[in-house]
Amino acid sequence: MSEYARVDAFEIIKSCIAQSLPELAIANITEDVSLSSLGVDSIKLVEISVRIEEAFGEKVVIDDWIDEQMNLDVDDRYTIRSLIEFVELAHA
């Protein structure tokens, strides 16, 4: 069983994104959106990555998630859902 329930992981990730993008309405952060559709550029991605790694600990290395995402179709890349699943697997 994962150390983090899906809802908990989603809420933590959503909080990390919202802290990095305060102009973004938190309601716009859903599991189905991609980071790019939220306006996350490479600099913001680094900031969000640091926040997520601090929140979830050393088991979660966002660079590994980014590498995994590079192998997917463009439409499926960098979704919040895939990030939640990555965190869940890291803590399984």
PDB file of N, CA and C in Angstrom:
ATOM      1  N   MET A   1       0.849  -1.182   0.000  1.00  0.00           N
ATOM      2  CA  MET A   1       0.000   0.000   0.000  1.00  0.00           C
ATOM      3  C   MET A   1       0.892   1.241   0.000  1.00  0.00           C
ATOM      4  N   SER A   2       0.516   2.201  -0.750  1.00  0.00           N
ATOM      5  CA  SER A   2       1.284   3.433  -0.856  1.00  0.00           C
ATOM      6  C   SER A   2       1.248   4.209   0.449  1.00  0.00           C
ATOM      7  N   GLU A   3       2.381   4.841   0.764  1.00  0.00           N
ATOM      8  CA  GLU A   3       2.471   5.674   1.959  1.00  0.00           C
ATOM      9  C   GLU A   3       1.547   6.879   1.841  1.00  0.00           C
ATOM     10  N   TYR A   4       1.304   7.306   0.628  1.00  0.00           N
ATOM     11  CA  TYR A   4       0.443   8.450   0.362  1.00  0.00           C
ATOM     12  C   TYR A   4      -0.796   7.989  -0.379  1.00  0.00           C
ATOM     13  N   ALA A   5      -1.961   8.301   0.154  1.00  0.00           N
ATOM     14  CA  ALA A   5      -3.191   8.031  -0.579  1.00  0.00           C
ATOM     15  C   ALA A   5      -3.224   8.938  -1.797  1.00  0.00           C
ATOM     16  N   ARG A   6      -3.919   8.514  -2.820  1.00  0.00           N
ATOM     17  CA  ARG A   6      -3.981   9.292  -4.066  1.00  0.00           C
ATOM     18  C   ARG A   6      -4.447  10.724  -3.803  1.00  0.00           C
ATOM     19  N   VAL A   7      -5.469  10.876  -2.973  1.00  0.00           N
ATOM     20  CA  VAL A   7      -5.994  12.211  -2.686  1.00  0.00           C
ATOM     21  C   VAL A   7      -4.932  13.051  -1.992  1.00  0.00           C
ATOM     22  N   ASP A   8      -4.216  12.460  -1.052  1.00  0.00           N
ATOM     23  CA  ASP A   8      -3.157  13.191  -0.345  1.00  0.00           C
ATOM     24  C   ASP A   8      -2.054  13.613  -1.309  1.00  0.00           C
ATOM     25  N   ALA A   9      -1.631  12.704  -2.162  1.00  0.00           N
ATOM     26  CA  ALA A   9      -0.576  13.020  -3.131  1.00  0.00           C
ATOM     27  C   ALA A   9      -1.033  14.145  -4.051  1.00  0.00           C
ATOM     28  N   PHE A  10      -2.268  14.064  -4.521  1.00  0.00           N
ATOM     29  CA  PHE A  10      -2.801  15.101  -5.400  1.00  0.00           C
ATOM     30  C   PHE A  10      -2.828  16.450  -4.686  1.00  0.00           C
ATOM     31  N   GLU A  11      -3.277  16.475  -3.453  1.00  0.00           N
ATOM     32  CA  GLU A  11      -3.359  17.732  -2.711  1.00  0.00           C
ATOM     33  C   GLU A  11      -1.975  18.339  -2.464  1.00  0.00           C
ATOM     34  N   ILE A  12      -1.001  17.503  -2.179  1.00  0.00           N
ATOM     35  CA  ILE A  12       0.367  17.988  -1.957  1.00  0.00           C
ATOM     36  C   ILE A  12       0.944  18.542  -3.258  1.00  0.00           C
ATOM     37  N   ILE A  13       0.762  17.811  -4.345  1.00  0.00           N
ATOM     38  CA  ILE A  13       1.262  18.266  -5.650  1.00  0.00           C
ATOM     39  C   ILE A  13       0.570  19.569  -6.047  1.00  0.00           C
ATOM     40  N   LYS A  14      -0.738  19.620  -5.862  1.00  0.00           N
ATOM     41  CA  LYS A  14      -1.497  20.827  -6.191  1.00  0.00           C
ATOM     42  C   LYS A  14      -0.979  22.013  -5.389  1.00  0.00           C
ATOM     43  N   SER A  15      -0.695  21.804  -4.120  1.00  0.00           N
ATOM     44  CA  SER A  15      -0.158  22.865  -3.274  1.00  0.00           C
ATOM     45  C   SER A  15       1.212  23.332  -3.755  1.00  0.00           C
ATOM     46  N   CYS A  16       2.061  22.407  -4.151  1.00  0.00           N
ATOM     47  CA  CYS A  16       3.396  22.759  -4.654  1.00  0.00           C
ATOM     48  C   CYS A  16       3.289  23.604  -5.926  1.00  0.00           C
ATOM     49  N   ILE A  17       2.369  23.231  -6.793  1.00  0.00           N
ATOM     50  CA  ILE A  17       2.171  23.991  -8.030  1.00  0.00           C
ATOM     51  C   ILE A  17       1.616  25.371  -7.711  1.00  0.00           C
ATOM     52  N   ALA A  18       0.622  25.430  -6.835  1.00  0.00           N
ATOM     53  CA  ALA A  18      -0.004  26.706  -6.484  1.00  0.00           C
ATOM     54  C   ALA A  18       0.992  27.660  -5.826  1.00  0.00           C
ATOM     55  N   GLN A  19       1.904  27.132  -5.021  1.00  0.00           N
ATOM     56  CA  GLN A  19       2.921  27.979  -4.393  1.00  0.00           C
ATOM     57  C   GLN A  19       3.865  28.572  -5.423  1.00  0.00           C
ATOM     58  N   SER A  20       4.123  27.818  -6.477  1.00  0.00           N
ATOM     59  CA  SER A  20       5.031  28.281  -7.531  1.00  0.00           C
ATOM     60  C   SER A  20       4.334  29.162  -8.557  1.00  0.00           C
ATOM     61  N   LEU A  21       3.026  29.014  -8.671  1.00  0.00           N
ATOM     62  CA  LEU A  21       2.235  29.787  -9.636  1.00  0.00           C
ATOM     63  C   LEU A  21       1.058  30.450  -8.905  1.00  0.00           C
ATOM     64  N   PRO A  22       1.329  31.432  -8.077  1.00  0.00           N
ATOM     65  CA  PRO A  22       0.254  32.030  -7.263  1.00  0.00           C
ATOM     66  C   PRO A  22      -0.851  32.689  -8.090  1.00  0.00           C
ATOM     67  N   GLU A  23      -0.554  33.040  -9.326  1.00  0.00           N
ATOM     68  CA  GLU A  23      -1.565  33.673 -10.175  1.00  0.00           C
ATOM     69  C   GLU A  23      -2.573  32.664 -10.731  1.00  0.00           C
ATOM     70  N   LEU A  24      -2.284  31.398 -10.583  1.00  0.00           N
ATOM     71  CA  LEU A  24      -3.122  30.333 -11.118  1.00  0.00           C
ATOM     72  C   LEU A  24      -4.229  29.992 -10.124  1.00  0.00           C
ATOM     73  N   ALA A  25      -5.465  29.903 -10.610  1.00  0.00           N
ATOM     74  CA  ALA A  25      -6.574  29.473  -9.758  1.00  0.00           C
ATOM     75  C   ALA A  25      -6.396  27.995  -9.433  1.00  0.00           C
ATOM     76  N   ILE A  26      -6.423  27.670  -8.168  1.00  0.00           N
ATOM     77  CA  ILE A  26      -6.180  26.295  -7.739  1.00  0.00           C
ATOM     78  C   ILE A  26      -7.203  25.326  -8.342  1.00  0.00           C
ATOM     79  N   ALA A  27      -8.381  25.817  -8.652  1.00  0.00           N
ATOM     80  CA  ALA A  27      -9.409  24.974  -9.274  1.00  0.00           C
ATOM     81  C   ALA A  27      -8.993  24.501 -10.666  1.00  0.00           C
ATOM     82  N   ASN A  28      -8.055  25.200 -11.293  1.00  0.00           N
ATOM     83  CA  ASN A  28      -7.575  24.812 -12.623  1.00  0.00           C
ATOM     84  C   ASN A  28      -6.598  23.653 -12.577  1.00  0.00           C
ATOM     85  N   ILE A  29      -6.134  23.307 -11.399  1.00  0.00           N
ATOM     86  CA  ILE A  29      -5.174  22.214 -11.252  1.00  0.00           C
ATOM     87  C   ILE A  29      -5.956  20.933 -11.015  1.00  0.00           C
ATOM     88  N   THR A  30      -6.120  20.171 -12.088  1.00  0.00           N
ATOM     89  CA  THR A  30      -6.828  18.891 -12.015  1.00  0.00           C
ATOM     90  C   THR A  30      -5.886  17.782 -12.468  1.00  0.00           C
ATOM     91  N   GLU A  31      -6.284  16.556 -12.248  1.00  0.00           N
ATOM     92  CA  GLU A  31      -5.433  15.428 -12.620  1.00  0.00           C
ATOM     93  C   GLU A  31      -5.205  15.334 -14.127  1.00  0.00           C
ATOM     94  N   ASP A  32      -6.133  15.851 -14.904  1.00  0.00           N
ATOM     95  CA  ASP A  32      -6.066  15.672 -16.356  1.00  0.00           C
ATOM     96  C   ASP A  32      -5.281  16.740 -17.100  1.00  0.00           C
ATOM     97  N   VAL A  33      -4.883  17.802 -16.428  1.00  0.00           N
ATOM     98  CA  VAL A  33      -4.153  18.864 -17.130  1.00  0.00           C
ATOM     99  C   VAL A  33      -2.660  18.563 -17.138  1.00  0.00           C
ATOM    100  N   SER A  34      -1.998  19.140 -18.118  1.00  0.00           N
ATOM    101  CA  SER A  34      -0.537  19.013 -18.183  1.00  0.00           C
ATOM    102  C   SER A  34       0.085  20.249 -17.547  1.00  0.00           C
ATOM    103  N   LEU A  35       1.322  20.100 -17.146  1.00  0.00           N
ATOM    104  CA  LEU A  35       2.020  21.248 -16.560  1.00  0.00           C
ATOM    105  C   LEU A  35       2.149  22.382 -17.574  1.00  0.00           C
ATOM    106  N   SER A  36       2.383  22.046 -18.830  1.00  0.00           N
ATOM    107  CA  SER A  36       2.530  23.102 -19.841  1.00  0.00           C
ATOM    108  C   SER A  36       1.226  23.867 -20.041  1.00  0.00           C
ATOM    109  N   SER A  37       0.080  23.176 -19.946  1.00  0.00           N
ATOM    110  CA  SER A  37      -1.198  23.873 -20.103  1.00  0.00           C
ATOM    111  C   SER A  37      -1.473  24.816 -18.929  1.00  0.00           C
ATOM    112  N   LEU A  38      -0.789  24.587 -17.815  1.00  0.00           N
ATOM    113  CA  LEU A  38      -0.913  25.488 -16.669  1.00  0.00           C
ATOM    114  C   LEU A  38       0.056  26.662 -16.764  1.00  0.00           C
ATOM    115  N   GLY A  39       0.895  26.659 -17.794  1.00  0.00           N
ATOM    116  CA  GLY A  39       1.849  27.748 -17.973  1.00  0.00           C
ATOM    117  C   GLY A  39       3.186  27.513 -17.294  1.00  0.00           C
ATOM    118  N   VAL A  40       3.494  26.256 -17.000  1.00  0.00           N
ATOM    119  CA  VAL A  40       4.761  25.924 -16.340  1.00  0.00           C
ATOM    120  C   VAL A  40       5.872  25.902 -17.387  1.00  0.00           C
ATOM    121  N   ASP A  41       6.839  26.795 -17.215  1.00  0.00           N
ATOM    122  CA  ASP A  41       8.017  26.793 -18.083  1.00  0.00           C
ATOM    123  C   ASP A  41       9.142  26.045 -17.380  1.00  0.00           C
ATOM    124  N   SER A  42      10.302  25.994 -17.996  1.00  0.00           N
ATOM    125  CA  SER A  42      11.399  25.200 -17.433  1.00  0.00           C
ATOM    126  C   SER A  42      11.862  25.724 -16.075  1.00  0.00           C
ATOM    127  N   ILE A  43      11.839  27.015 -15.887  1.00  0.00           N
ATOM    128  CA  ILE A  43      12.258  27.589 -14.595  1.00  0.00           C
ATOM    129  C   ILE A  43      11.248  27.233 -13.510  1.00  0.00           C
ATOM    130  N   LYS A  44       9.978  27.374 -13.807  1.00  0.00           N
ATOM    131  CA  LYS A  44       8.930  27.015 -12.845  1.00  0.00           C
ATOM    132  C   LYS A  44       8.938  25.511 -12.574  1.00  0.00           C
ATOM    133  N   LEU A  45       9.274  24.714 -13.590  1.00  0.00           N
ATOM    134  CA  LEU A  45       9.343  23.268 -13.391  1.00  0.00           C
ATOM    135  C   LEU A  45      10.401  22.913 -12.353  1.00  0.00           C
ATOM    136  N   VAL A  46      11.524  23.589 -12.404  1.00  0.00           N
ATOM    137  CA  VAL A  46      12.578  23.355 -11.408  1.00  0.00           C
ATOM    138  C   VAL A  46      12.067  23.710 -10.015  1.00  0.00           C
ATOM    139  N   GLU A  47      11.406  24.848  -9.900  1.00  0.00           N
ATOM    140  CA  GLU A  47      10.870  25.285  -8.609  1.00  0.00           C
ATOM    141  C   GLU A  47       9.831  24.288  -8.076  1.00  0.00           C
ATOM    142  N   ILE A  48       8.929  23.865  -8.930  1.00  0.00           N
ATOM    143  CA  ILE A  48       7.910  22.894  -8.527  1.00  0.00           C
ATOM    144  C   ILE A  48       8.562  21.564  -8.159  1.00  0.00           C
ATOM    145  N   SER A  49       9.550  21.155  -8.925  1.00  0.00           N
ATOM    146  CA  SER A  49      10.264  19.899  -8.656  1.00  0.00           C
ATOM    147  C   SER A  49      10.901  19.901  -7.276  1.00  0.00           C
ATOM    148  N   VAL A  50      11.543  20.990  -6.932  1.00  0.00           N
ATOM    149  CA  VAL A  50      12.182  21.099  -5.609  1.00  0.00           C
ATOM    150  C   VAL A  50      11.126  20.992  -4.514  1.00  0.00           C
ATOM    151  N   ARG A  51      10.017  21.682  -4.691  1.00  0.00           N
ATOM    152  CA  ARG A  51       8.939  21.631  -3.690  1.00  0.00           C
ATOM    153  C   ARG A  51       8.384  20.210  -3.536  1.00  0.00           C
ATOM    154  N   ILE A  52       8.178  19.537  -4.653  1.00  0.00           N
ATOM    155  CA  ILE A  52       7.638  18.179  -4.607  1.00  0.00           C
ATOM    156  C   ILE A  52       8.639  17.224  -3.963  1.00  0.00           C
ATOM    157  N   GLU A  53       9.895  17.327  -4.328  1.00  0.00           N
ATOM    158  CA  GLU A  53      10.915  16.450  -3.741  1.00  0.00           C
ATOM    159  C   GLU A  53      11.048  16.699  -2.243  1.00  0.00           C
ATOM    160  N   GLU A  54      10.944  17.941  -1.808  1.00  0.00           N
ATOM    161  CA  GLU A  54      10.992  18.240  -0.376  1.00  0.00           C
ATOM    162  C   GLU A  54       9.759  17.679   0.336  1.00  0.00           C
ATOM    163  N   ALA A  55       8.610  17.756  -0.312  1.00  0.00           N
ATOM    164  CA  ALA A  55       7.368  17.282   0.299  1.00  0.00           C
ATOM    165  C   ALA A  55       7.323  15.763   0.432  1.00  0.00           C
ATOM    166  N   PHE A  56       7.836  15.047  -0.562  1.00  0.00           N
ATOM    167  CA  PHE A  56       7.717  13.594  -0.583  1.00  0.00           C
ATOM    168  C   PHE A  56       8.991  12.856  -0.182  1.00  0.00           C
ATOM    169  N   GLY A  57      10.087  13.550  -0.055  1.00  0.00           N
ATOM    170  CA  GLY A  57      11.313  12.899   0.381  1.00  0.00           C
ATOM    171  C   GLY A  57      12.165  12.374  -0.763  1.00  0.00           C
ATOM    172  N   GLU A  58      13.245  11.731  -0.377  1.00  0.00           N
ATOM    173  CA  GLU A  58      14.274  11.331  -1.344  1.00  0.00           C
ATOM    174  C   GLU A  58      13.835  10.215  -2.298  1.00  0.00           C
ATOM    175  N   LYS A  59      12.742   9.530  -1.999  1.00  0.00           N
ATOM    176  CA  LYS A  59      12.266   8.484  -2.904  1.00  0.00           C
ATOM    177  C   LYS A  59      11.733   9.064  -4.215  1.00  0.00           C
ATOM    178  N   VAL A  60      11.343  10.322  -4.192  1.00  0.00           N
ATOM    179  CA  VAL A  60      10.756  10.961  -5.374  1.00  0.00           C
ATOM    180  C   VAL A  60      11.803  11.863  -6.020  1.00  0.00           C
ATOM    181  N   VAL A  61      12.253  11.461  -7.197  1.00  0.00           N
ATOM    182  CA  VAL A  61      13.233  12.232  -7.962  1.00  0.00           C
ATOM    183  C   VAL A  61      12.540  12.662  -9.257  1.00  0.00           C
ATOM    184  N   ILE A  62      12.184  13.933  -9.321  1.00  0.00           N
ATOM    185  CA  ILE A  62      11.385  14.422 -10.442  1.00  0.00           C
ATOM    186  C   ILE A  62      12.114  14.264 -11.771  1.00  0.00           C
ATOM    187  N   ASP A  63      13.427  14.314 -11.771  1.00  0.00           N
ATOM    188  CA  ASP A  63      14.175  14.097 -13.016  1.00  0.00           C
ATOM    189  C   ASP A  63      13.850  12.727 -13.624  1.00  0.00           C
ATOM    190  N   ASP A  64      13.623  11.729 -12.773  1.00  0.00           N
ATOM    191  CA  ASP A  64      13.255  10.401 -13.271  1.00  0.00           C
ATOM    192  C   ASP A  64      11.880  10.438 -13.942  1.00  0.00           C
ATOM    193  N   TRP A  65      10.948  11.176 -13.338  1.00  0.00           N
ATOM    194  CA  TRP A  65       9.616  11.320 -13.935  1.00  0.00           C
ATOM    195  C   TRP A  65       9.703  12.033 -15.285  1.00  0.00           C
ATOM    196  N   ILE A  66      10.502  13.086 -15.341  1.00  0.00           N
ATOM    197  CA  ILE A  66      10.671  13.835 -16.589  1.00  0.00           C
ATOM    198  C   ILE A  66      11.239  12.917 -17.673  1.00  0.00           C
ATOM    199  N   ASP A  67      12.241  12.111 -17.313  1.00  0.00           N
ATOM    200  CA  ASP A  67      12.811  11.163 -18.287  1.00  0.00           C
ATOM    201  C   ASP A  67      11.758  10.185 -18.796  1.00  0.00           C
ATOM    202  N   GLU A  68      10.911   9.672 -17.901  1.00  0.00           N
ATOM    203  CA  GLU A  68       9.844   8.760 -18.300  1.00  0.00           C
ATOM    204  C   GLU A  68       8.878   9.438 -19.269  1.00  0.00           C
ATOM    205  N   GLN A  69       8.564  10.679 -18.994  1.00  0.00           N
ATOM    206  CA  GLN A  69       7.582  11.412 -19.799  1.00  0.00           C
ATOM    207  C   GLN A  69       8.084  11.687 -21.209  1.00  0.00           C
ATOM    208  N   MET A  70       9.362  11.769 -21.388  1.00  0.00           N
ATOM    209  CA  MET A  70       9.935  12.059 -22.709  1.00  0.00           C
ATOM    210  C   MET A  70       9.603  10.961 -23.722  1.00  0.00           C
ATOM    211  N   ASN A  71       9.304   9.763 -23.231  1.00  0.00           N
ATOM    212  CA  ASN A  71       9.013   8.633 -24.118  1.00  0.00           C
ATOM    213  C   ASN A  71       7.548   8.531 -24.516  1.00  0.00           C
ATOM    214  N   LEU A  72       6.710   9.434 -24.023  1.00  0.00           N
ATOM    215  CA  LEU A  72       5.275   9.382 -24.297  1.00  0.00           C
ATOM    216  C   LEU A  72       4.897  10.281 -25.467  1.00  0.00           C
ATOM    217  N   ASP A  73       3.698  10.051 -25.992  1.00  0.00           N
ATOM    218  CA  ASP A  73       3.157  10.953 -27.007  1.00  0.00           C
ATOM    219  C   ASP A  73       3.006  12.350 -26.399  1.00  0.00           C
ATOM    220  N   VAL A  74       3.149  13.355 -27.219  1.00  0.00           N
ATOM    221  CA  VAL A  74       3.107  14.742 -26.751  1.00  0.00           C
ATOM    222  C   VAL A  74       1.835  15.038 -25.960  1.00  0.00           C
ATOM    223  N   ASP A  75       0.706  14.539 -26.402  1.00  0.00           N
ATOM    224  CA  ASP A  75      -0.565  14.833 -25.734  1.00  0.00           C
ATOM    225  C   ASP A  75      -0.655  14.230 -24.332  1.00  0.00           C
ATOM    226  N   ASP A  76       0.121  13.212 -24.058  1.00  0.00           N
ATOM    227  CA  ASP A  76       0.050  12.518 -22.774  1.00  0.00           C
ATOM    228  C   ASP A  76       1.157  12.929 -21.799  1.00  0.00           C
ATOM    229  N   ARG A  77       2.007  13.819 -22.198  1.00  0.00           N
ATOM    230  CA  ARG A  77       3.173  14.168 -21.375  1.00  0.00           C
ATOM    231  C   ARG A  77       2.838  15.130 -20.242  1.00  0.00           C
ATOM    232  N   TYR A  78       3.534  14.908 -19.147  1.00  0.00           N
ATOM    233  CA  TYR A  78       3.571  15.846 -18.025  1.00  0.00           C
ATOM    234  C   TYR A  78       2.210  16.182 -17.444  1.00  0.00           C
ATOM    235  N   THR A  79       1.331  15.179 -17.345  1.00  0.00           N
ATOM    236  CA  THR A  79       0.043  15.427 -16.714  1.00  0.00           C
ATOM    237  C   THR A  79       0.191  15.305 -15.199  1.00  0.00           C
ATOM    238  N   ILE A  80      -0.713  15.947 -14.501  1.00  0.00           N
ATOM    239  CA  ILE A  80      -0.723  15.837 -13.045  1.00  0.00           C
ATOM    240  C   ILE A  80      -0.986  14.384 -12.654  1.00  0.00           C
ATOM    241  N   ARG A  81      -1.868  13.712 -13.398  1.00  0.00           N
ATOM    242  CA  ARG A  81      -2.168  12.299 -13.122  1.00  0.00           C
ATOM    243  C   ARG A  81      -0.895  11.444 -13.174  1.00  0.00           C
ATOM    244  N   SER A  82      -0.059  11.654 -14.185  1.00  0.00           N
ATOM    245  CA  SER A  82       1.163  10.853 -14.295  1.00  0.00           C
ATOM    246  C   SER A  82       2.130  11.162 -13.161  1.00  0.00           C
ATOM    247  N   LEU A  83       2.117  12.391 -12.694  1.00  0.00           N
ATOM    248  CA  LEU A  83       2.980  12.771 -11.571  1.00  0.00           C
ATOM    249  C   LEU A  83       2.491  12.110 -10.277  1.00  0.00           C
ATOM    250  N   ILE A  84       1.188  12.085 -10.076  1.00  0.00           N
ATOM    251  CA  ILE A  84       0.622  11.403  -8.906  1.00  0.00           C
ATOM    252  C   ILE A  84       0.999   9.927  -8.935  1.00  0.00           C
ATOM    253  N   GLU A  85       0.837   9.288 -10.093  1.00  0.00           N
ATOM    254  CA  GLU A  85       1.171   7.866 -10.216  1.00  0.00           C
ATOM    255  C   GLU A  85       2.652   7.619  -9.957  1.00  0.00           C
ATOM    256  N   PHE A  86       3.507   8.529 -10.402  1.00  0.00           N
ATOM    257  CA  PHE A  86       4.939   8.414 -10.164  1.00  0.00           C
ATOM    258  C   PHE A  86       5.236   8.461  -8.662  1.00  0.00           C
ATOM    259  N   VAL A  87       4.611   9.398  -7.964  1.00  0.00           N
ATOM    260  CA  VAL A  87       4.801   9.512  -6.507  1.00  0.00           C
ATOM    261  C   VAL A  87       4.303   8.256  -5.805  1.00  0.00           C
ATOM    262  N   GLU A  88       3.140   7.770  -6.221  1.00  0.00           N
ATOM    263  CA  GLU A  88       2.593   6.559  -5.603  1.00  0.00           C
ATOM    264  C   GLU A  88       3.524   5.362  -5.785  1.00  0.00           C
ATOM    265  N   LEU A  89       4.069   5.209  -6.982  1.00  0.00           N
ATOM    266  CA  LEU A  89       4.993   4.099  -7.231  1.00  0.00           C
ATOM    267  C   LEU A  89       6.284   4.247  -6.423  1.00  0.00           C
ATOM    268  N   ALA A  90       6.756   5.455  -6.289  1.00  0.00           N
ATOM    269  CA  ALA A  90       7.983   5.682  -5.520  1.00  0.00           C
ATOM    270  C   ALA A  90       7.805   5.336  -4.051  1.00  0.00           C
ATOM    271  N   HIS A  91       6.590   5.465  -3.563  1.00  0.00           N
ATOM    272  CA  HIS A  91       6.318   5.191  -2.145  1.00  0.00           C
ATOM    273  C   HIS A  91       5.596   3.870  -1.919  1.00  0.00           C
ATOM    274  N   ALA A  92       5.468   3.055  -2.949  1.00  0.00           N
ATOM    275  CA  ALA A  92       4.770   1.772  -2.809  1.00  0.00           C
ATOM    276  C   ALA A  92       5.602   0.796  -2.009  1.00  0.00           C
TER     277      ALA A  92
END
